[in-house]
PDB file of all heavy atoms in Angstrom:
ATOM      1  N   GLY A   1       0.812  -1.239   0.000  1.00  0.00           N
ATOM      2  CA  GLY A   1       0.000   0.000   0.000  1.00  0.00           C
ATOM      3  C   GLY A   1       0.827   1.261   0.000  1.00  0.00           C
ATOM      4  O   GLY A   1       0.744   2.081  -0.891  1.00  0.00           O
ATOM      5  N   PRO A   2       1.695   1.471   0.975  1.00  0.00           N
ATOM      6  CA  PRO A   2       2.467   2.710   1.005  1.00  0.00           C
ATOM      7  C   PRO A   2       3.407   2.851  -0.189  1.00  0.00           C
ATOM      8  O   PRO A   2       3.707   3.954  -0.637  1.00  0.00           O
ATOM      9  CB  PRO A   2       3.238   2.587   2.305  1.00  0.00           C
ATOM     10  CG  PRO A   2       2.451   1.622   3.151  1.00  0.00           C
ATOM     11  CD  PRO A   2       1.865   0.645   2.205  1.00  0.00           C
ATOM     12  N   ALA A   3       3.921   1.742  -0.705  1.00  0.00           N
ATOM     13  CA  ALA A   3       4.880   1.831  -1.823  1.00  0.00           C
ATOM     14  C   ALA A   3       4.268   2.371  -3.112  1.00  0.00           C
ATOM     15  O   ALA A   3       4.941   2.938  -3.951  1.00  0.00           O
ATOM     16  CB  ALA A   3       5.496   0.474  -2.076  1.00  0.00           C
ATOM     17  N   SER A   4       2.992   2.233  -3.350  1.00  0.00           N
ATOM     18  CA  SER A   4       2.364   2.652  -4.624  1.00  0.00           C
ATOM     19  C   SER A   4       2.102   4.150  -4.710  1.00  0.00           C
ATOM     20  O   SER A   4       2.024   4.730  -5.767  1.00  0.00           O
ATOM     21  CB  SER A   4       1.047   1.916  -4.844  1.00  0.00           C
ATOM     22  OG  SER A   4       0.126   2.276  -3.832  1.00  0.00           O
ATOM     23  N   ARG A   5       1.962   4.869  -3.667  1.00  0.00           N
ATOM     24  CA  ARG A   5       1.600   6.295  -3.706  1.00  0.00           C
ATOM     25  C   ARG A   5       2.694   7.190  -4.273  1.00  0.00           C
ATOM     26  O   ARG A   5       2.431   8.072  -5.076  1.00  0.00           O
ATOM     27  CB  ARG A   5       1.183   6.738  -2.302  1.00  0.00           C
ATOM     28  CG  ARG A   5      -0.255   6.269  -1.961  1.00  0.00           C
ATOM     29  CD  ARG A   5      -0.762   7.000  -0.728  1.00  0.00           C
ATOM     30  NE  ARG A   5      -0.038   6.555   0.469  1.00  0.00           N
ATOM     31  CZ  ARG A   5      -0.411   5.509   1.208  1.00  0.00           C
ATOM     32  NH1 ARG A   5      -1.476   4.796   0.866  1.00  0.00           N
ATOM     33  NH2 ARG A   5       0.287   5.174   2.311  1.00  0.00           N
ATOM     34  N   PRO A   6       3.978   6.997  -3.907  1.00  0.00           N
ATOM     35  CA  PRO A   6       5.004   7.859  -4.535  1.00  0.00           C
ATOM     36  C   PRO A   6       5.054   7.749  -6.052  1.00  0.00           C
ATOM     37  O   PRO A   6       5.263   8.716  -6.751  1.00  0.00           O
ATOM     38  CB  PRO A   6       6.292   7.369  -3.908  1.00  0.00           C
ATOM     39  CG  PRO A   6       5.863   6.796  -2.583  1.00  0.00           C
ATOM     40  CD  PRO A   6       4.537   6.170  -2.805  1.00  0.00           C
ATOM     41  N   GLN A   7       4.830   6.573  -6.620  1.00  0.00           N
ATOM     42  CA  GLN A   7       4.834   6.411  -8.089  1.00  0.00           C
ATOM     43  C   GLN A   7       3.741   7.257  -8.733  1.00  0.00           C
ATOM     44  O   GLN A   7       3.927   7.882  -9.765  1.00  0.00           O
ATOM     45  CB  GLN A   7       4.654   4.940  -8.463  1.00  0.00           C
ATOM     46  CG  GLN A   7       5.829   4.082  -8.027  1.00  0.00           C
ATOM     47  CD  GLN A   7       5.582   2.608  -8.289  1.00  0.00           C
ATOM     48  OE1 GLN A   7       4.570   2.258  -8.849  1.00  0.00           O
ATOM     49  NE2 GLN A   7       6.534   1.758  -7.874  1.00  0.00           N
ATOM     50  N   THR A   8       2.605   7.326  -8.128  1.00  0.00           N
ATOM     51  CA  THR A   8       1.488   8.111  -8.675  1.00  0.00           C
ATOM     52  C   THR A   8       1.820   9.592  -8.696  1.00  0.00           C
ATOM     53  O   THR A   8       1.562  10.313  -9.661  1.00  0.00           O
ATOM     54  CB  THR A   8       0.219   7.871  -7.846  1.00  0.00           C
ATOM     55  OG1 THR A   8      -0.082   6.509  -7.884  1.00  0.00           O
ATOM     56  CG2 THR A   8      -0.960   8.678  -8.410  1.00  0.00           C
ATOM     57  N   ARG A   9       2.456  10.122  -7.732  1.00  0.00           N
ATOM     58  CA  ARG A   9       2.830  11.539  -7.693  1.00  0.00           C
ATOM     59  C   ARG A   9       3.817  11.893  -8.804  1.00  0.00           C
ATOM     60  O   ARG A   9       3.747  12.925  -9.431  1.00  0.00           O
ATOM     61  CB  ARG A   9       3.417  11.879  -6.320  1.00  0.00           C
ATOM     62  CG  ARG A   9       2.338  12.023  -5.214  1.00  0.00           C
ATOM     63  CD  ARG A   9       2.952  12.732  -3.991  1.00  0.00           C
ATOM     64  NE  ARG A   9       4.057  11.965  -3.438  1.00  0.00           N
ATOM     65  CZ  ARG A   9       3.884  11.015  -2.497  1.00  0.00           C
ATOM     66  NH1 ARG A   9       2.669  10.689  -2.091  1.00  0.00           N
ATOM     67  NH2 ARG A   9       4.953  10.385  -2.005  1.00  0.00           N
ATOM     68  N   ARG A  10       4.759  10.999  -9.078  1.00  0.00           N
ATOM     69  CA  ARG A  10       5.742  11.278 -10.124  1.00  0.00           C
ATOM     70  C   ARG A  10       5.090  11.376 -11.499  1.00  0.00           C
ATOM     71  O   ARG A  10       5.395  12.256 -12.287  1.00  0.00           O
ATOM     72  CB  ARG A  10       6.827  10.185 -10.140  1.00  0.00           C
ATOM     73  CG  ARG A  10       7.826  10.345  -8.981  1.00  0.00           C
ATOM     74  CD  ARG A  10       9.041   9.489  -9.266  1.00  0.00           C
ATOM     75  NE  ARG A  10       8.708   8.094  -9.274  1.00  0.00           N
ATOM     76  CZ  ARG A  10       8.718   7.307  -8.177  1.00  0.00           C
ATOM     77  NH1 ARG A  10       9.018   7.808  -6.971  1.00  0.00           N
ATOM     78  NH2 ARG A  10       8.428   6.014  -8.271  1.00  0.00           N
ATOM     79  N   ARG A  11       4.144  10.502 -11.798  1.00  0.00           N
ATOM     80  CA  ARG A  11       3.462  10.601 -13.099  1.00  0.00           C
ATOM     81  C   ARG A  11       2.685  11.910 -13.226  1.00  0.00           C
ATOM     82  O   ARG A  11       2.655  12.569 -14.236  1.00  0.00           O
ATOM     83  CB  ARG A  11       2.520   9.403 -13.293  1.00  0.00           C
ATOM     84  CG  ARG A  11       3.253   8.091 -13.578  1.00  0.00           C
ATOM     85  CD  ARG A  11       2.282   7.064 -14.098  1.00  0.00           C
ATOM     86  NE  ARG A  11       1.272   6.757 -13.114  1.00  0.00           N
ATOM     87  CZ  ARG A  11       1.403   5.752 -12.228  1.00  0.00           C
ATOM     88  NH1 ARG A  11       2.510   5.046 -12.195  1.00  0.00           N
ATOM     89  NH2 ARG A  11       0.418   5.499 -11.382  1.00  0.00           N
ATOM     90  N   GLY A  12       2.025  12.350 -12.144  1.00  0.00           N
ATOM     91  CA  GLY A  12       1.254  13.611 -12.174  1.00  0.00           C
ATOM     92  C   GLY A  12       2.135  14.801 -12.402  1.00  0.00           C
ATOM     93  O   GLY A  12       1.799  15.742 -13.095  1.00  0.00           O
ATOM     94  N   SER A  13       3.321  14.859 -11.864  1.00  0.00           N
ATOM     95  CA  SER A  13       4.217  16.004 -12.049  1.00  0.00           C
ATOM     96  C   SER A  13       4.707  16.133 -13.472  1.00  0.00           C
ATOM     97  O   SER A  13       4.974  17.213 -13.970  1.00  0.00           O
ATOM     98  CB  SER A  13       5.401  15.880 -11.080  1.00  0.00           C
ATOM     99  OG  SER A  13       6.159  14.737 -11.417  1.00  0.00           O
ATOM    100  N   LEU A  14       4.787  15.007 -14.217  1.00  0.00           N
ATOM    101  CA  LEU A  14       5.207  15.065 -15.629  1.00  0.00           C
ATOM    102  C   LEU A  14       4.135  15.721 -16.505  1.00  0.00           C
ATOM    103  O   LEU A  14       4.418  16.448 -17.446  1.00  0.00           O
ATOM    104  CB  LEU A  14       5.522  13.662 -16.140  1.00  0.00           C
ATOM    105  CG  LEU A  14       6.805  13.039 -15.558  1.00  0.00           C
ATOM    106  CD1 LEU A  14       6.901  11.598 -15.999  1.00  0.00           C
ATOM    107  CD2 LEU A  14       8.022  13.821 -15.966  1.00  0.00           C
ATOM    108  N   ARG A  15       2.895  15.459 -16.247  1.00  0.00           N
ATOM    109  CA  ARG A  15       1.832  16.049 -17.066  1.00  0.00           C
ATOM    110  C   ARG A  15       1.643  17.539 -16.793  1.00  0.00           C
ATOM    111  O   ARG A  15       1.281  18.299 -17.638  1.00  0.00           O
ATOM    112  CB  ARG A  15       0.509  15.321 -16.825  1.00  0.00           C
ATOM    113  CG  ARG A  15       0.479  13.899 -17.412  1.00  0.00           C
ATOM    114  CD  ARG A  15      -0.940  13.391 -17.469  1.00  0.00           C
ATOM    115  NE  ARG A  15      -1.520  13.329 -16.142  1.00  0.00           N
ATOM    116  CZ  ARG A  15      -1.507  12.237 -15.376  1.00  0.00           C
ATOM    117  NH1 ARG A  15      -0.907  11.132 -15.806  1.00  0.00           N
ATOM    118  NH2 ARG A  15      -2.082  12.241 -14.183  1.00  0.00           N
ATOM    119  N   GLY A  16       1.904  18.018 -15.690  1.00  0.00           N
ATOM    120  CA  GLY A  16       1.696  19.426 -15.344  1.00  0.00           C
ATOM    121  C   GLY A  16       0.241  19.721 -15.064  1.00  0.00           C
ATOM    122  O   GLY A  16      -0.644  18.916 -15.358  1.00  0.00           O
ATOM    123  N   SER A  17      -0.012  20.879 -14.568  1.00  0.00           N
ATOM    124  CA  SER A  17      -1.386  21.252 -14.243  1.00  0.00           C
ATOM    125  C   SER A  17      -2.115  21.747 -15.478  1.00  0.00           C
ATOM    126  O   SER A  17      -1.504  22.264 -16.413  1.00  0.00           O
ATOM    127  CB  SER A  17      -1.384  22.361 -13.178  1.00  0.00           C
ATOM    128  OG  SER A  17      -0.833  23.550 -13.738  1.00  0.00           O
ATOM    129  N   PRO A  18      -3.415  21.625 -15.552  1.00  0.00           N
ATOM    130  CA  PRO A  18      -4.197  22.115 -16.701  1.00  0.00           C
ATOM    131  C   PRO A  18      -4.029  23.604 -16.931  1.00  0.00           C
ATOM    132  O   PRO A  18      -4.017  24.075 -18.064  1.00  0.00           O
ATOM    133  CB  PRO A  18      -5.619  21.761 -16.315  1.00  0.00           C
ATOM    134  CG  PRO A  18      -5.485  20.628 -15.360  1.00  0.00           C
ATOM    135  CD  PRO A  18      -4.214  20.891 -14.579  1.00  0.00           C
ATOM    136  N   GLN A  19      -3.891  24.414 -15.866  1.00  0.00           N
ATOM    137  CA  GLN A  19      -3.745  25.864 -16.009  1.00  0.00           C
ATOM    138  C   GLN A  19      -2.459  26.212 -16.757  1.00  0.00           C
ATOM    139  O   GLN A  19      -2.402  27.123 -17.592  1.00  0.00           O
ATOM    140  CB  GLN A  19      -3.744  26.540 -14.629  1.00  0.00           C
ATOM    141  CG  GLN A  19      -5.089  26.472 -13.913  1.00  0.00           C
ATOM    142  CD  GLN A  19      -5.278  25.136 -13.188  1.00  0.00           C
ATOM    143  OE1 GLN A  19      -4.364  24.277 -13.244  1.00  0.00           O
ATOM    144  NE2 GLN A  19      -6.434  24.963 -12.538  1.00  0.00           N
ATOM    145  N   LEU A  20      -1.393  25.459 -16.451  1.00  0.00           N
ATOM    146  CA  LEU A  20      -0.120  25.728 -17.103  1.00  0.00           C
ATOM    147  C   LEU A  20      -0.191  25.452 -18.602  1.00  0.00           C
ATOM    148  O   LEU A  20       0.294  26.227 -19.438  1.00  0.00           O
ATOM    149  CB  LEU A  20       0.977  24.882 -16.449  1.00  0.00           C
ATOM    150  CG  LEU A  20       2.410  25.108 -16.981  1.00  0.00           C
ATOM    151  CD1 LEU A  20       2.825  26.546 -16.766  1.00  0.00           C
ATOM    152  CD2 LEU A  20       3.372  24.142 -16.331  1.00  0.00           C
ATOM    153  N   ARG A  21      -0.796  24.349 -18.961  1.00  0.00           N
ATOM    154  CA  ARG A  21      -0.919  24.016 -20.388  1.00  0.00           C
ATOM    155  C   ARG A  21      -1.768  25.051 -21.128  1.00  0.00           C
ATOM    156  O   ARG A  21      -1.496  25.410 -22.273  1.00  0.00           O
ATOM    157  CB  ARG A  21      -1.531  22.623 -20.535  1.00  0.00           C
ATOM    158  CG  ARG A  21      -0.512  21.499 -20.283  1.00  0.00           C
ATOM    159  CD  ARG A  21      -1.125  20.139 -20.491  1.00  0.00           C
ATOM    160  NE  ARG A  21      -2.017  19.830 -19.386  1.00  0.00           N
ATOM    161  CZ  ARG A  21      -3.164  19.178 -19.536  1.00  0.00           C
ATOM    162  NH1 ARG A  21      -3.552  18.819 -20.717  1.00  0.00           N
ATOM    163  NH2 ARG A  21      -3.935  18.925 -18.488  1.00  0.00           N
ATOM    164  N   LEU A  22      -2.804  25.531 -20.516  1.00  0.00           N
ATOM    165  CA  LEU A  22      -3.676  26.510 -21.162  1.00  0.00           C
ATOM    166  C   LEU A  22      -2.927  27.816 -21.431  1.00  0.00           C
ATOM    167  O   LEU A  22      -3.044  28.437 -22.495  1.00  0.00           O
ATOM    168  CB  LEU A  22      -4.900  26.758 -20.274  1.00  0.00           C
ATOM    169  CG  LEU A  22      -5.996  27.647 -20.863  1.00  0.00           C
ATOM    170  CD1 LEU A  22      -6.537  27.020 -22.146  1.00  0.00           C
ATOM    171  CD2 LEU A  22      -7.121  27.841 -19.854  1.00  0.00           C
ATOM    172  N   ARG A  23      -2.116  28.236 -20.411  1.00  0.00           N
ATOM    173  CA  ARG A  23      -1.336  29.459 -20.602  1.00  0.00           C
ATOM    174  C   ARG A  23      -0.354  29.317 -21.771  1.00  0.00           C
ATOM    175  O   ARG A  23      -0.167  30.228 -22.585  1.00  0.00           O
ATOM    176  CB  ARG A  23      -0.574  29.799 -19.320  1.00  0.00           C
ATOM    177  CG  ARG A  23      -1.466  30.235 -18.163  1.00  0.00           C
ATOM    178  CD  ARG A  23      -0.612  30.839 -17.056  1.00  0.00           C
ATOM    179  NE  ARG A  23      -1.401  31.052 -15.871  1.00  0.00           N
ATOM    180  CZ  ARG A  23      -1.411  30.225 -14.809  1.00  0.00           C
ATOM    181  NH1 ARG A  23      -0.660  29.135 -14.826  1.00  0.00           N
ATOM    182  NH2 ARG A  23      -2.158  30.491 -13.754  1.00  0.00           N
ATOM    183  N   PHE A  24       0.295  28.177 -21.841  1.00  0.00           N
ATOM    184  CA  PHE A  24       1.260  27.933 -22.922  1.00  0.00           C
ATOM    185  C   PHE A  24       0.581  28.000 -24.300  1.00  0.00           C
ATOM    186  O   PHE A  24       1.102  28.587 -25.259  1.00  0.00           O
ATOM    187  CB  PHE A  24       1.919  26.563 -22.707  1.00  0.00           C
ATOM    188  CG  PHE A  24       2.926  26.236 -23.777  1.00  0.00           C
ATOM    189  CD1 PHE A  24       4.189  26.824 -23.780  1.00  0.00           C
ATOM    190  CD2 PHE A  24       2.610  25.347 -24.801  1.00  0.00           C
ATOM    191  CE1 PHE A  24       5.100  26.525 -24.772  1.00  0.00           C
ATOM    192  CE2 PHE A  24       3.516  25.046 -25.784  1.00  0.00           C
ATOM    193  CZ  PHE A  24       4.780  25.636 -25.765  1.00  0.00           C
ATOM    194  N   GLY A  25      -0.606  27.421 -24.405  1.00  0.00           N
ATOM    195  CA  GLY A  25      -1.335  27.446 -25.686  1.00  0.00           C
ATOM    196  C   GLY A  25      -1.704  28.850 -26.119  1.00  0.00           C
ATOM    197  O   GLY A  25      -1.603  29.209 -27.288  1.00  0.00           O
ATOM    198  N   PHE A  26      -2.137  29.691 -25.136  1.00  0.00           N
ATOM    199  CA  PHE A  26      -2.487  31.070 -25.462  1.00  0.00           C
ATOM    200  C   PHE A  26      -1.285  31.839 -25.997  1.00  0.00           C
ATOM    201  O   PHE A  26      -1.375  32.665 -26.894  1.00  0.00           O
ATOM    202  CB  PHE A  26      -3.054  31.776 -24.234  1.00  0.00           C
ATOM    203  CG  PHE A  26      -4.516  31.505 -24.013  1.00  0.00           C
ATOM    204  CD1 PHE A  26      -4.992  31.142 -22.756  1.00  0.00           C
ATOM    205  CD2 PHE A  26      -5.423  31.619 -25.059  1.00  0.00           C
ATOM    206  CE1 PHE A  26      -6.333  30.884 -22.563  1.00  0.00           C
ATOM    207  CE2 PHE A  26      -6.775  31.363 -24.859  1.00  0.00           C
ATOM    208  CZ  PHE A  26      -7.244  30.993 -23.613  1.00  0.00           C
ATOM    209  N   VAL A  27      -0.124  31.561 -25.390  1.00  0.00           N
ATOM    210  CA  VAL A  27       1.090  32.237 -25.841  1.00  0.00           C
ATOM    211  C   VAL A  27       1.403  31.893 -27.280  1.00  0.00           C
ATOM    212  O   VAL A  27       1.737  32.757 -28.115  1.00  0.00           O
ATOM    213  CB  VAL A  27       2.273  31.879 -24.920  1.00  0.00           C
ATOM    214  CG1 VAL A  27       3.587  32.392 -25.513  1.00  0.00           C
ATOM    215  CG2 VAL A  27       2.072  32.467 -23.537  1.00  0.00           C
ATOM    216  N   VAL A  28       1.302  30.587 -27.620  1.00  0.00           N
ATOM    217  CA  VAL A  28       1.589  30.157 -28.990  1.00  0.00           C
ATOM    218  C   VAL A  28       0.609  30.795 -29.975  1.00  0.00           C
ATOM    219  O   VAL A  28       0.993  31.309 -31.042  1.00  0.00           O
ATOM    220  CB  VAL A  28       1.541  28.625 -29.087  1.00  0.00           C
ATOM    221  CG1 VAL A  28       1.633  28.185 -30.540  1.00  0.00           C
ATOM    222  CG2 VAL A  28       2.646  28.007 -28.263  1.00  0.00           C
ATOM    223  N   ILE A  29      -0.670  30.812 -29.650  1.00  0.00           N
ATOM    224  CA  ILE A  29      -1.690  31.398 -30.538  1.00  0.00           C
ATOM    225  C   ILE A  29      -1.443  32.886 -30.722  1.00  0.00           C
ATOM    226  O   ILE A  29      -1.549  33.437 -31.824  1.00  0.00           O
ATOM    227  CB  ILE A  29      -3.097  31.148 -29.963  1.00  0.00           C
ATOM    228  CG1 ILE A  29      -3.424  29.653 -30.028  1.00  0.00           C
ATOM    229  CG2 ILE A  29      -4.140  31.958 -30.725  1.00  0.00           C
ATOM    230  CD1 ILE A  29      -4.702  29.276 -29.310  1.00  0.00           C
ATOM    231  N   ALA A  30      -1.083  33.562 -29.627  1.00  0.00           N
ATOM    232  CA  ALA A  30      -0.823  34.998 -29.726  1.00  0.00           C
ATOM    233  C   ALA A  30       0.336  35.292 -30.647  1.00  0.00           C
ATOM    234  O   ALA A  30       0.327  36.262 -31.424  1.00  0.00           O
ATOM    235  CB  ALA A  30      -0.560  35.563 -28.321  1.00  0.00           C
ATOM    236  N   MET A  31       1.374  34.435 -30.581  1.00  0.00           N
ATOM    237  CA  MET A  31       2.526  34.637 -31.443  1.00  0.00           C
ATOM    238  C   MET A  31       2.142  34.469 -32.914  1.00  0.00           C
ATOM    239  O   MET A  31       2.561  35.250 -33.778  1.00  0.00           O
ATOM    240  CB  MET A  31       3.637  33.656 -31.061  1.00  0.00           C
ATOM    241  CG  MET A  31       4.264  33.944 -29.688  1.00  0.00           C
ATOM    242  SD  MET A  31       5.440  32.659 -29.205  1.00  0.00           S
ATOM    243  CE  MET A  31       6.695  32.908 -30.456  1.00  0.00           C
ATOM    244  N   VAL A  32       1.345  33.449 -33.205  1.00  0.00           N
ATOM    245  CA  VAL A  32       0.923  33.215 -34.597  1.00  0.00           C
ATOM    246  C   VAL A  32       0.062  34.368 -35.095  1.00  0.00           C
ATOM    247  O   VAL A  32       0.228  34.871 -36.220  1.00  0.00           O
ATOM    248  CB  VAL A  32       0.163  31.882 -34.710  1.00  0.00           C
ATOM    249  CG1 VAL A  32      -0.439  31.731 -36.108  1.00  0.00           C
ATOM    250  CG2 VAL A  32       1.090  30.716 -34.405  1.00  0.00           C
ATOM    251  N   LEU A  33      -0.888  34.796 -34.280  1.00  0.00           N
ATOM    252  CA  LEU A  33      -1.742  35.905 -34.684  1.00  0.00           C
ATOM    253  C   LEU A  33      -0.931  37.176 -34.888  1.00  0.00           C
ATOM    254  O   LEU A  33      -1.240  37.993 -35.766  1.00  0.00           O
ATOM    255  CB  LEU A  33      -2.830  36.139 -33.637  1.00  0.00           C
ATOM    256  CG  LEU A  33      -3.912  35.057 -33.545  1.00  0.00           C
ATOM    257  CD1 LEU A  33      -4.874  35.364 -32.396  1.00  0.00           C
ATOM    258  CD2 LEU A  33      -4.680  34.981 -34.861  1.00  0.00           C
ATOM    259  N   SER A  34       0.080  37.370 -34.118  1.00  0.00           N
ATOM    260  CA  SER A  34       0.939  38.544 -34.293  1.00  0.00           C
ATOM    261  C   SER A  34       1.622  38.530 -35.646  1.00  0.00           C
ATOM    262  O   SER A  34       1.734  39.552 -36.322  1.00  0.00           O
ATOM    263  CB  SER A  34       1.985  38.598 -33.174  1.00  0.00           C
ATOM    264  OG  SER A  34       1.374  38.749 -31.919  1.00  0.00           O
ATOM    265  N   LEU A  35       2.079  37.327 -36.034  1.00  0.00           N
ATOM    266  CA  LEU A  35       2.713  37.210 -37.349  1.00  0.00           C
ATOM    267  C   LEU A  35       1.723  37.540 -38.463  1.00  0.00           C
ATOM    268  O   LEU A  35       2.038  38.263 -39.411  1.00  0.00           O
ATOM    269  CB  LEU A  35       3.277  35.797 -37.529  1.00  0.00           C
ATOM    270  CG  LEU A  35       4.487  35.445 -36.664  1.00  0.00           C
ATOM    271  CD1 LEU A  35       4.830  33.957 -36.835  1.00  0.00           C
ATOM    272  CD2 LEU A  35       5.686  36.305 -37.043  1.00  0.00           C
ATOM    273  N   PHE A  36       0.497  36.987 -38.368  1.00  0.00           N
ATOM    274  CA  PHE A  36      -0.526  37.281 -39.374  1.00  0.00           C
ATOM    275  C   PHE A  36      -0.876  38.767 -39.383  1.00  0.00           C
ATOM    276  O   PHE A  36      -1.060  39.382 -40.428  1.00  0.00           O
ATOM    277  CB  PHE A  36      -1.793  36.459 -39.118  1.00  0.00           C
ATOM    278  CG  PHE A  36      -1.706  35.063 -39.628  1.00  0.00           C
ATOM    279  CD1 PHE A  36      -1.839  33.983 -38.764  1.00  0.00           C
ATOM    280  CD2 PHE A  36      -1.500  34.810 -40.965  1.00  0.00           C
ATOM    281  CE1 PHE A  36      -1.756  32.685 -39.232  1.00  0.00           C
ATOM    282  CE2 PHE A  36      -1.420  33.507 -41.449  1.00  0.00           C
ATOM    283  CZ  PHE A  36      -1.542  32.444 -40.577  1.00  0.00           C
ATOM    284  N   GLY A  37      -0.957  39.359 -38.197  1.00  0.00           N
ATOM    285  CA  GLY A  37      -1.291  40.779 -38.105  1.00  0.00           C
ATOM    286  C   GLY A  37      -0.235  41.643 -38.743  1.00  0.00           C
ATOM    287  O   GLY A  37      -0.531  42.612 -39.444  1.00  0.00           O
ATOM    288  N   ALA A  38       1.022  41.291 -38.484  1.00  0.00           N
ATOM    289  CA  ALA A  38       2.107  42.067 -39.087  1.00  0.00           C
ATOM    290  C   ALA A  38       2.069  41.977 -40.608  1.00  0.00           C
ATOM    291  O   ALA A  38       2.293  42.961 -41.316  1.00  0.00           O
ATOM    292  CB  ALA A  38       3.450  41.563 -38.544  1.00  0.00           C
ATOM    293  N   ARG A  39       1.796  40.769 -41.100  1.00  0.00           N
ATOM    294  CA  ARG A  39       1.712  40.596 -42.560  1.00  0.00           C
ATOM    295  C   ARG A  39       0.541  41.389 -43.133  1.00  0.00           C
ATOM    296  O   ARG A  39       0.647  42.000 -44.198  1.00  0.00           O
ATOM    297  CB  ARG A  39       1.542  39.093 -42.884  1.00  0.00           C
ATOM    298  CG  ARG A  39       1.446  38.782 -44.362  1.00  0.00           C
ATOM    299  CD  ARG A  39       2.697  39.167 -45.102  1.00  0.00           C
ATOM    300  NE  ARG A  39       2.683  38.669 -46.451  1.00  0.00           N
ATOM    301  CZ  ARG A  39       3.523  39.094 -47.395  1.00  0.00           C
ATOM    302  NH1 ARG A  39       4.437  40.009 -47.121  1.00  0.00           N
ATOM    303  NH2 ARG A  39       3.451  38.588 -48.622  1.00  0.00           N
TER     304      ARG A  39
END
């Protein structure tokens, strides 16, 4: 029982939180739109 819990935490840290992924996506979209806007 106790041995299985640390493994679960390590997998969760690799995926990251949903908020972090959303912020990253907005940044990428903003960069692309900036390029289109400049053109």
